[in-house]
Amino acid sequence: MTAEVGVMNGIGVALAADSAVTMAGRNVRKIYTSADKLFQLSTGAPVAAMIYGNADYVGMPWETILKSYREELGSKVYPTIVQYAEKLLAHCSRNRRLFPVSSQQDDLRTIAIEALIHLRDHVLEHLKIESTKARLTNTTIRRTAEEVIAHDTARLRKLPYFEGGSAKLGPQLRGLLRKDLPRMIDLVFGTLPMSKKGVEGLRQLTVQALLRNRFGRGHSGLIIAGFGANEYSPALAALELEGMAFNKPRFAIRHTEKIGGRVDSFIMPFAQREMIYLFMEGIDRLFEYHVITSTQNVILGVVDGVLRSIEGHDAKFGKTLRKRVTPQLHKIVKEMFDDWKEQRAQHYARPIMRAVAALPKDELGLMAEALVSLTKFKRRVSTQEETVGGPIDVAIITKGDGFVWLKRKHYFDPILNPRVIARLTRGN
């Protein structure tokens, strides 16, 4: 995990990222605090890239991918930030040295197995419920599995295809999985009885999981921010990616933002966001959910109790009263929650955003760093795993000055490596 943030106003955008990376394996989980997550994307344009989540994409480190793209870019510039993201994806799509077909296929199989594991957990949940009603038999297990598979497949079909994907890829994906699916089923479901209909349903589900805008725990987040050649205010594009399907990156654009019009400032956190949300909203998100749901339950519960009492004395009058009161009660509860939201915005978010709109360049960077530091400090003093840590890298991107490092760690001693520093100065 990680904590990252982008802070923008009319003059530029500041990006900040911690350095923690979690390596997980069989019975092993280790955290390192020296990972690079923030990069200059172009030597000839004010554009930066930041990553979170999986540090690799289809088996290739993002650092290698981004620097390969930067080398290809050279002095080329594009009109908008979104186009830089599109050109990066095109670079990935056509570069077989970075992404050989075998690596793409292995990655797709891994994604398919994760989808099967997710499904298996659903099946086991339903079987646990069934076991409370009657003794489980092979027939019951097969029927329950078929129902869950059909339900989950239908849910996947409602999702849009990943960007650039379509149903035309379906037959190719079925062909890729045809030989491997029996082994995958044995690996994931073990001795759990499966019917022929269930096995065919698993084939359809895995294909849909690969086709749709659905990303699992192995996905990467990619942020491209700065100024396109035709942009005089900063812009940001946030993407999620996982795997490549026959040279097509599986990705979705989750958010785009640009300063201009009524938007004069913007703060966007990525990955672990809880402390930044607390800072902006004045309340922890999980606690806010608890307050809202418990308040709603109390109000509705009390009114329901009163109505039940009335219905016990006069059923007809009580039923009529319930029909009249219930819609109004839900409306009142919603208005109360909307008022809470407006009060938070008035006293917390809006004053902060007005201040951000007026920040000079250096203060933008300091604010971005401070927001990441909040999450880092919270993890440090709590009993939670320190999945945010290490030095915080900070960069500021403006139209006039370009990409400027405010803080940057090195894995080597700069004094001992003057030639490396000179090369980085020229190239980064």
Protein backbone atom coordinates (compact mmCIF):
# COMPACT_ATOMS: atom_id res chain seq x y z
CA MET A 1 0.00 0.00 0.00
CA THR A 2 0.98 3.61 -0.22
CA ALA A 3 -0.18 7.18 0.32
CA GLU A 4 -0.04 9.72 -2.48
CA VAL A 5 -1.70 13.02 -3.27
CA GLY A 6 -2.03 15.59 -6.00
CA VAL A 7 -2.68 19.25 -5.08
CA MET A 8 -3.55 21.69 -7.88
CA ASN A 9 -4.35 25.33 -8.34
CA GLY A 10 -4.07 27.74 -11.23
CA ILE A 11 -0.28 27.99 -11.08
CA GLY A 12 0.60 24.30 -11.02
CA VAL A 13 0.30 20.85 -9.51
CA ALA A 14 2.26 19.32 -6.63
CA LEU A 15 2.61 15.55 -6.33
CA ALA A 16 3.80 13.71 -3.24
CA ALA A 17 4.38 10.00 -2.66
CA ASP A 18 5.77 7.91 0.18
CA SER A 19 8.38 5.18 -0.42
CA ALA A 20 6.83 2.07 1.14
CA VAL A 21 6.26 -1.07 -0.90
CA THR A 22 4.85 -4.34 0.40
CA MET A 23 6.25 -7.64 -0.88
CA ALA A 24 3.94 -10.57 -0.21
CA GLY A 25 4.53 -14.27 -0.81
CA ARG A 26 3.84 -17.64 0.73
CA ASN A 27 4.00 -17.11 4.51
CA VAL A 28 6.11 -13.98 3.92
CA ARG A 29 5.10 -10.32 4.07
CA LYS A 30 7.80 -7.67 4.12
CA ILE A 31 7.73 -3.88 3.74
CA TYR A 32 10.55 -1.91 2.14
CA THR A 33 10.75 1.88 2.36
CA SER A 34 12.88 2.88 -0.62
CA ALA A 35 10.56 2.51 -3.63
CA ASP A 36 10.33 5.19 -6.34
CA LYS A 37 6.75 6.09 -7.21
CA LEU A 38 7.09 9.61 -8.66
CA PHE A 39 8.75 10.23 -12.03
CA GLN A 40 9.36 12.96 -14.57
CA LEU A 41 7.57 11.64 -17.64
CA SER A 42 9.06 13.93 -20.29
CA THR A 43 12.33 15.82 -20.63
CA GLY A 44 10.74 18.34 -22.95
CA ALA A 45 7.37 19.00 -21.30
CA PRO A 46 6.02 19.75 -17.79
CA VAL A 47 4.51 16.30 -17.23
CA ALA A 48 4.87 13.85 -14.33
CA ALA A 49 3.76 10.30 -13.58
CA MET A 50 3.00 8.70 -10.24
CA ILE A 51 2.18 5.04 -9.50
CA TYR A 52 0.52 3.15 -6.66
CA GLY A 53 -0.68 -0.37 -6.06
CA ASN A 54 1.30 -2.99 -7.94
CA ALA A 55 4.78 -1.67 -8.77
CA ASP A 56 4.93 -4.02 -11.78
CA TYR A 57 2.74 -4.17 -14.87
CA VAL A 58 2.61 -7.49 -16.72
CA GLY A 59 5.82 -8.46 -14.96
CA MET A 60 7.71 -5.28 -15.87
CA PRO A 61 8.60 -2.60 -13.27
CA TRP A 62 6.74 0.64 -13.84
CA GLU A 63 10.02 2.53 -13.49
CA THR A 64 11.36 0.73 -16.56
CA ILE A 65 8.13 1.29 -18.50
CA LEU A 66 7.96 5.01 -17.74
CA LYS A 67 11.61 5.67 -18.51
CA SER A 68 11.31 3.69 -21.74
CA TYR A 69 8.37 5.88 -22.70
CA ARG A 70 10.29 9.01 -21.71
CA GLU A 71 13.17 7.97 -23.97
CA GLU A 72 10.76 7.40 -26.86
CA LEU A 73 9.08 10.75 -26.27
CA GLY A 74 12.30 12.72 -26.52
CA SER A 75 11.30 16.28 -27.30
CA LYS A 76 7.81 15.42 -28.54
CA VAL A 77 4.91 17.22 -26.89
CA TYR A 78 1.18 16.54 -26.98
CA PRO A 79 -1.72 18.98 -26.65
CA THR A 80 -3.28 17.53 -23.48
CA ILE A 81 -2.39 15.46 -20.43
CA VAL A 82 -4.94 12.83 -21.45
CA GLN A 83 -3.05 12.37 -24.71
CA TYR A 84 0.18 11.70 -22.82
CA ALA A 85 -1.66 8.88 -21.04
CA GLU A 86 -3.04 7.55 -24.32
CA LYS A 87 0.40 7.63 -25.96
CA LEU A 88 1.89 5.78 -22.98
CA LEU A 89 -0.71 3.04 -23.35
CA ALA A 90 0.00 2.86 -27.09
CA HIS A 91 3.72 2.52 -26.26
CA CYS A 92 2.88 -0.45 -24.02
CA SER A 93 0.60 -1.98 -26.64
CA ARG A 94 3.19 -2.12 -29.42
CA ASN A 95 6.33 -2.85 -27.39
CA ARG A 96 6.91 -6.62 -27.46
CA ARG A 97 10.32 -6.30 -25.80
CA LEU A 98 8.68 -4.87 -22.71
CA PHE A 99 5.64 -7.12 -22.90
CA PRO A 100 6.23 -10.42 -24.72
CA VAL A 101 3.17 -12.48 -25.54
CA SER A 102 4.14 -15.15 -22.98
CA SER A 103 4.17 -12.55 -20.16
CA GLN A 104 0.79 -11.20 -21.24
CA GLN A 105 -0.74 -14.67 -21.23
CA ASP A 106 0.76 -15.63 -17.88
CA ASP A 107 -0.63 -12.43 -16.37
CA LEU A 108 -4.11 -13.11 -17.79
CA ARG A 109 -4.06 -16.58 -16.25
CA THR A 110 -3.17 -15.06 -12.88
CA ILE A 111 -6.10 -12.62 -13.16
CA ALA A 112 -8.40 -15.49 -14.14
CA ILE A 113 -7.31 -17.54 -11.10
CA GLU A 114 -8.00 -14.57 -8.83
CA ALA A 115 -11.50 -14.29 -10.33
CA LEU A 116 -12.06 -18.00 -9.62
CA ILE A 117 -10.85 -17.59 -6.03
CA HIS A 118 -13.27 -14.68 -5.57
CA LEU A 119 -16.08 -16.86 -6.94
CA ARG A 120 -15.11 -19.82 -4.77
CA ASP A 121 -15.42 -17.65 -1.67
CA HIS A 122 -18.94 -16.69 -2.77
CA VAL A 123 -19.84 -20.35 -3.31
CA LEU A 124 -18.53 -21.31 0.13
CA GLU A 125 -20.50 -18.49 1.76
CA HIS A 126 -23.72 -19.78 0.18
CA LEU A 127 -22.91 -23.38 1.07
CA LYS A 128 -22.42 -22.33 4.69
CA ILE A 129 -25.94 -20.89 4.66
CA GLU A 130 -27.31 -24.02 2.99
CA SER A 131 -25.65 -26.22 5.61
CA THR A 132 -27.75 -24.56 8.33
CA LYS A 133 -30.93 -25.70 6.56
CA ALA A 134 -30.04 -29.29 5.72
CA ARG A 135 -27.15 -31.70 5.31
CA LEU A 136 -25.10 -30.86 2.22
CA THR A 137 -25.11 -33.38 -0.60
CA ASN A 138 -23.19 -33.40 -3.87
CA THR A 139 -26.41 -32.46 -5.64
CA THR A 140 -26.92 -29.46 -3.36
CA ILE A 141 -23.30 -28.36 -3.79
CA ARG A 142 -23.49 -28.56 -7.60
CA ARG A 143 -26.81 -26.70 -7.72
CA THR A 144 -25.60 -23.95 -5.37
CA ALA A 145 -22.37 -23.55 -7.34
CA GLU A 146 -24.32 -23.25 -10.61
CA GLU A 147 -26.59 -20.57 -9.12
CA VAL A 148 -23.71 -18.52 -7.71
CA ILE A 149 -21.72 -18.81 -10.96
CA ALA A 150 -24.73 -17.65 -13.00
CA HIS A 151 -25.38 -14.75 -10.60
CA ASP A 152 -21.76 -13.54 -10.58
CA THR A 153 -21.45 -13.90 -14.36
CA ALA A 154 -24.61 -11.82 -14.84
CA ARG A 155 -23.16 -9.12 -12.58
CA LEU A 156 -19.95 -9.06 -14.62
CA ARG A 157 -21.89 -8.73 -17.87
CA LYS A 158 -23.47 -5.54 -16.55
CA LEU A 159 -20.04 -3.90 -16.25
CA PRO A 160 -18.63 -2.01 -19.25
CA TYR A 161 -15.74 -3.48 -21.20
CA PHE A 162 -12.28 -2.24 -20.27
CA GLU A 163 -11.22 0.77 -22.35
CA GLY A 164 -10.58 -0.42 -25.90
CA GLY A 165 -11.93 -3.90 -25.16
CA SER A 166 -14.93 -5.53 -26.81
CA ALA A 167 -16.79 -8.81 -27.20
CA LYS A 168 -14.53 -9.60 -30.17
CA LEU A 169 -11.78 -10.58 -27.72
CA GLY A 170 -14.03 -13.21 -26.14
CA PRO A 171 -13.19 -16.14 -28.49
CA GLN A 172 -9.46 -15.45 -28.16
CA LEU A 173 -9.70 -15.46 -24.37
CA ARG A 174 -11.72 -18.68 -24.41
CA GLY A 175 -9.03 -20.24 -26.56
CA LEU A 176 -6.31 -19.08 -24.19
CA LEU A 177 -8.07 -20.56 -21.17
CA ARG A 178 -9.33 -23.77 -22.80
CA LYS A 179 -6.33 -25.94 -21.87
CA ASP A 180 -5.64 -24.25 -18.52
CA LEU A 181 -9.14 -24.06 -17.06
CA PRO A 182 -9.35 -27.69 -15.78
CA ARG A 183 -6.06 -27.19 -13.92
CA MET A 184 -7.26 -23.84 -12.55
CA ILE A 185 -10.51 -25.37 -11.32
CA ASP A 186 -8.64 -28.19 -9.58
CA LEU A 187 -6.26 -25.67 -8.03
CA VAL A 188 -9.00 -23.36 -6.73
CA PHE A 189 -11.98 -25.63 -6.04
CA GLY A 190 -10.11 -28.80 -5.07
CA THR A 191 -12.53 -31.69 -4.47
CA LEU A 192 -15.66 -29.52 -4.51
CA PRO A 193 -18.12 -31.28 -6.88
CA MET A 194 -18.80 -29.37 -10.09
CA SER A 195 -21.30 -30.25 -12.83
CA LYS A 196 -20.62 -29.87 -16.56
CA LYS A 197 -22.94 -26.86 -16.52
CA GLY A 198 -20.94 -25.39 -13.64
CA VAL A 199 -17.63 -25.90 -15.46
CA GLU A 200 -18.98 -24.19 -18.57
CA GLY A 201 -20.24 -21.39 -16.33
CA LEU A 202 -16.72 -21.00 -14.90
CA ARG A 203 -15.36 -20.68 -18.43
CA GLN A 204 -17.84 -17.91 -19.21
CA LEU A 205 -17.15 -16.17 -15.90
CA THR A 206 -13.37 -16.08 -16.37
CA VAL A 207 -13.74 -14.71 -19.88
CA GLN A 208 -16.09 -11.97 -18.64
CA ALA A 209 -13.73 -11.16 -15.75
CA LEU A 210 -10.96 -10.52 -18.29
CA LEU A 211 -13.15 -8.53 -20.66
CA ARG A 212 -14.80 -6.21 -18.20
CA ASN A 213 -13.84 -3.04 -16.37
CA ARG A 214 -12.97 -5.02 -13.25
CA PHE A 215 -9.59 -4.98 -11.55
CA GLY A 216 -8.40 -7.10 -8.65
CA ARG A 217 -5.78 -6.81 -5.94
CA GLY A 218 -2.95 -6.95 -8.48
CA HIS A 219 -3.93 -3.77 -10.30
CA SER A 220 -1.76 -0.67 -10.66
CA GLY A 221 -2.80 2.94 -10.32
CA LEU A 222 -1.23 5.46 -12.70
CA ILE A 223 -1.51 9.25 -12.42
CA ILE A 224 -0.40 11.55 -15.23
CA ALA A 225 -0.34 15.23 -14.28
CA GLY A 226 1.01 18.54 -15.53
CA PHE A 227 0.46 20.61 -18.67
CA GLY A 228 -0.14 19.61 -22.26
CA ALA A 229 1.18 21.92 -24.97
CA ASN A 230 -2.28 23.50 -25.35
CA GLU A 231 -3.05 23.59 -21.63
CA TYR A 232 -2.25 26.71 -19.61
CA SER A 233 -3.82 25.33 -16.45
CA PRO A 234 -2.76 22.03 -14.84
CA ALA A 235 -4.62 18.82 -15.55
CA LEU A 236 -4.59 15.32 -14.09
CA ALA A 237 -5.68 11.90 -15.32
CA ALA A 238 -5.95 8.87 -13.00
CA LEU A 239 -6.02 5.37 -14.47
CA GLU A 240 -6.22 1.81 -13.19
CA LEU A 241 -4.54 -1.02 -15.11
CA GLU A 242 -4.23 -4.76 -14.79
CA GLY A 243 -2.91 -7.06 -17.48
CA MET A 244 -2.92 -6.95 -21.28
CA ALA A 245 -5.32 -8.88 -23.50
CA PHE A 246 -3.62 -9.65 -26.81
CA ASN A 247 -1.57 -6.43 -26.83
CA LYS A 248 -4.47 -4.34 -25.51
CA PRO A 249 -3.83 -2.86 -22.04
CA ARG A 250 -6.71 -3.60 -19.68
CA PHE A 251 -7.34 -0.18 -18.20
CA ALA A 252 -9.95 2.33 -17.14
CA ILE A 253 -9.71 6.09 -16.75
CA ARG A 254 -11.04 6.61 -13.23
CA HIS A 255 -10.83 10.38 -13.04
CA THR A 256 -9.76 13.44 -14.98
CA GLU A 257 -9.51 16.92 -13.53
CA LYS A 258 -8.49 20.29 -14.88
CA ILE A 259 -8.22 23.72 -13.31
CA GLY A 260 -10.47 26.19 -15.03
CA GLY A 261 -13.98 27.65 -14.94
CA ARG A 262 -15.48 27.13 -11.50
CA VAL A 263 -12.66 24.76 -10.44
CA ASP A 264 -9.80 26.87 -9.07
CA SER A 265 -8.21 24.25 -6.80
CA PHE A 266 -8.24 20.52 -6.33
CA ILE A 267 -6.92 17.88 -3.91
CA MET A 268 -6.94 14.22 -4.89
CA PRO A 269 -5.59 11.44 -2.63
CA PHE A 270 -4.70 7.98 -3.92
CA ALA A 271 -4.40 4.53 -2.30
CA GLN A 272 -4.70 5.04 1.50
CA ARG A 273 -6.90 8.11 1.78
CA GLU A 274 -8.39 7.99 5.26
CA MET A 275 -6.29 10.71 6.91
CA ILE A 276 -6.60 13.09 3.96
CA TYR A 277 -10.37 12.58 4.00
CA LEU A 278 -10.39 13.27 7.76
CA PHE A 279 -8.40 16.46 7.19
CA MET A 280 -10.72 17.63 4.41
CA GLU A 281 -14.07 16.58 5.90
CA GLY A 282 -13.48 16.85 9.64
CA ILE A 283 -14.57 13.26 10.28
CA ASP A 284 -13.20 9.79 9.69
CA ARG A 285 -15.01 8.09 6.81
CA LEU A 286 -15.71 4.84 8.66
CA PHE A 287 -16.94 6.73 11.72
CA GLU A 288 -19.11 8.92 9.48
CA TYR A 289 -20.71 5.79 8.00
CA HIS A 290 -21.33 4.44 11.52
CA VAL A 291 -22.89 7.72 12.69
CA ILE A 292 -25.18 7.92 9.65
CA THR A 293 -26.34 4.29 9.74
CA SER A 294 -26.82 4.18 13.52
CA THR A 295 -28.75 7.49 13.51
CA GLN A 296 -30.96 6.27 10.69
CA ASN A 297 -31.60 2.96 12.43
CA VAL A 298 -32.51 4.69 15.71
CA ILE A 299 -34.93 7.17 14.09
CA LEU A 300 -36.61 4.61 11.84
CA GLY A 301 -36.67 2.07 14.66
CA VAL A 302 -38.36 4.41 17.14
CA VAL A 303 -40.99 5.52 14.62
CA ASP A 304 -41.61 1.91 13.57
CA GLY A 305 -42.13 0.97 17.22
CA VAL A 306 -44.67 3.76 17.69
CA LEU A 307 -46.52 2.76 14.51
CA ARG A 308 -46.59 -0.89 15.59
CA SER A 309 -48.12 0.16 18.90
CA ILE A 310 -50.79 2.20 17.09
CA GLU A 311 -51.50 -0.68 14.70
CA GLY A 312 -51.99 -2.95 17.70
CA HIS A 313 -54.82 -0.73 18.96
CA ASP A 314 -56.28 0.31 15.59
CA ALA A 315 -54.95 -1.67 12.63
CA LYS A 316 -56.73 0.38 9.95
CA PHE A 317 -55.66 3.75 11.33
CA GLY A 318 -52.13 2.49 11.98
CA LYS A 319 -51.78 1.19 8.42
CA THR A 320 -53.00 4.50 6.99
CA LEU A 321 -50.67 6.44 9.25
CA ARG A 322 -47.70 4.27 8.23
CA LYS A 323 -48.34 4.95 4.54
CA ARG A 324 -48.36 8.70 5.21
CA VAL A 325 -45.49 8.87 7.67
CA THR A 326 -42.93 6.53 6.06
CA PRO A 327 -42.19 8.57 2.87
CA GLN A 328 -42.02 11.80 4.89
CA LEU A 329 -39.75 10.19 7.47
CA HIS A 330 -37.26 9.02 4.85
CA LYS A 331 -37.33 12.50 3.31
CA ILE A 332 -36.64 14.13 6.68
CA VAL A 333 -33.75 11.74 7.43
CA LYS A 334 -32.22 12.42 4.01
CA GLU A 335 -32.54 16.19 4.49
CA MET A 336 -30.81 15.88 7.86
CA PHE A 337 -27.88 13.97 6.35
CA ASP A 338 -27.67 16.46 3.45
CA ASP A 339 -27.51 19.27 6.00
CA TRP A 340 -24.66 17.50 7.82
CA LYS A 341 -22.82 17.20 4.52
CA GLU A 342 -23.34 20.88 3.75
CA GLN A 343 -22.11 21.90 7.21
CA ARG A 344 -18.92 19.83 6.72
CA ALA A 345 -18.32 21.43 3.36
CA GLN A 346 -18.95 24.93 4.72
CA HIS A 347 -16.69 24.61 7.75
CA TYR A 348 -13.96 22.29 6.46
CA ALA A 349 -13.60 21.52 2.73
CA ARG A 350 -14.48 24.89 1.20
CA PRO A 351 -12.21 27.04 3.40
CA ILE A 352 -9.32 24.65 2.70
CA MET A 353 -9.94 24.71 -1.04
CA ARG A 354 -10.11 28.52 -1.04
CA ALA A 355 -6.73 28.58 0.67
CA VAL A 356 -5.28 26.06 -1.80
CA ALA A 357 -6.40 28.24 -4.71
CA ALA A 358 -4.14 31.05 -3.45
CA LEU A 359 -1.07 28.98 -2.51
CA PRO A 360 2.27 29.82 -4.16
CA LYS A 361 4.34 27.05 -5.76
CA ASP A 362 6.43 26.11 -2.76
CA GLU A 363 3.41 25.99 -0.45
CA LEU A 364 1.66 23.64 -2.85
CA GLY A 365 4.53 21.22 -2.45
CA LEU A 366 4.63 21.59 1.32
CA MET A 367 0.91 20.92 1.55
CA ALA A 368 1.17 17.79 -0.59
CA GLU A 369 4.00 16.52 1.60
CA ALA A 370 2.10 17.29 4.80
CA LEU A 371 -0.98 15.39 3.63
CA VAL A 372 1.07 12.25 2.92
CA SER A 373 2.86 12.72 6.26
CA LEU A 374 -0.50 12.61 8.07
CA THR A 375 -1.14 9.07 6.87
CA LYS A 376 2.47 8.07 7.49
CA PHE A 377 2.33 9.34 11.07
CA LYS A 378 -1.04 7.66 11.73
CA ARG A 379 0.39 4.32 10.60
CA ARG A 380 3.50 4.88 12.68
CA VAL A 381 1.70 5.41 16.01
CA SER A 382 -1.15 2.94 15.50
CA THR A 383 -1.17 -0.84 15.78
CA GLN A 384 -1.73 -1.12 12.02
CA GLU A 385 0.99 -2.35 9.71
CA GLU A 386 3.26 0.49 8.53
CA THR A 387 2.28 0.27 4.88
CA VAL A 388 3.06 3.97 4.47
CA GLY A 389 6.61 5.04 5.26
CA GLY A 390 10.07 6.03 4.15
CA PRO A 391 11.09 9.35 2.60
CA ILE A 392 8.40 11.38 0.88
CA ASP A 393 9.21 12.47 -2.67
CA VAL A 394 7.67 15.78 -3.74
CA ALA A 395 7.60 17.42 -7.18
CA ILE A 396 6.04 20.63 -8.44
CA ILE A 397 5.03 21.05 -12.08
CA THR A 398 4.32 24.49 -13.53
CA LYS A 399 3.96 25.73 -17.09
CA GLY A 400 6.93 28.09 -16.86
CA ASP A 401 9.42 26.15 -14.71
CA GLY A 402 8.45 22.65 -15.81
CA PHE A 403 9.11 19.67 -13.53
CA VAL A 404 10.96 20.61 -10.32
CA TRP A 405 11.91 18.27 -7.49
CA LEU A 406 11.17 19.77 -4.08
CA LYS A 407 12.30 16.61 -2.29
CA ARG A 408 13.87 13.52 -3.78
CA LYS A 409 15.58 10.52 -2.26
CA HIS A 410 18.53 8.72 -3.85
CA TYR A 411 19.59 5.14 -3.30
CA PHE A 412 23.21 6.34 -3.53
CA ASP A 413 25.34 9.10 -2.02
CA PRO A 414 25.25 12.05 -4.46
CA ILE A 415 28.68 13.25 -3.27
CA LEU A 416 30.25 9.97 -4.36
CA ASN A 417 28.48 9.93 -7.72
CA PRO A 418 28.87 13.36 -9.40
CA ARG A 419 28.63 11.83 -12.90
CA VAL A 420 25.33 10.17 -12.07
CA ILE A 421 23.97 13.45 -10.70
CA ALA A 422 25.11 15.29 -13.84
CA ARG A 423 23.41 12.70 -16.05
CA LEU A 424 20.20 12.80 -14.01
CA THR A 425 20.24 16.58 -14.13
CA ARG A 426 20.44 16.48 -17.94
CA GLY A 427 17.99 13.63 -18.42
CA ASN A 428 15.49 13.95 -15.61
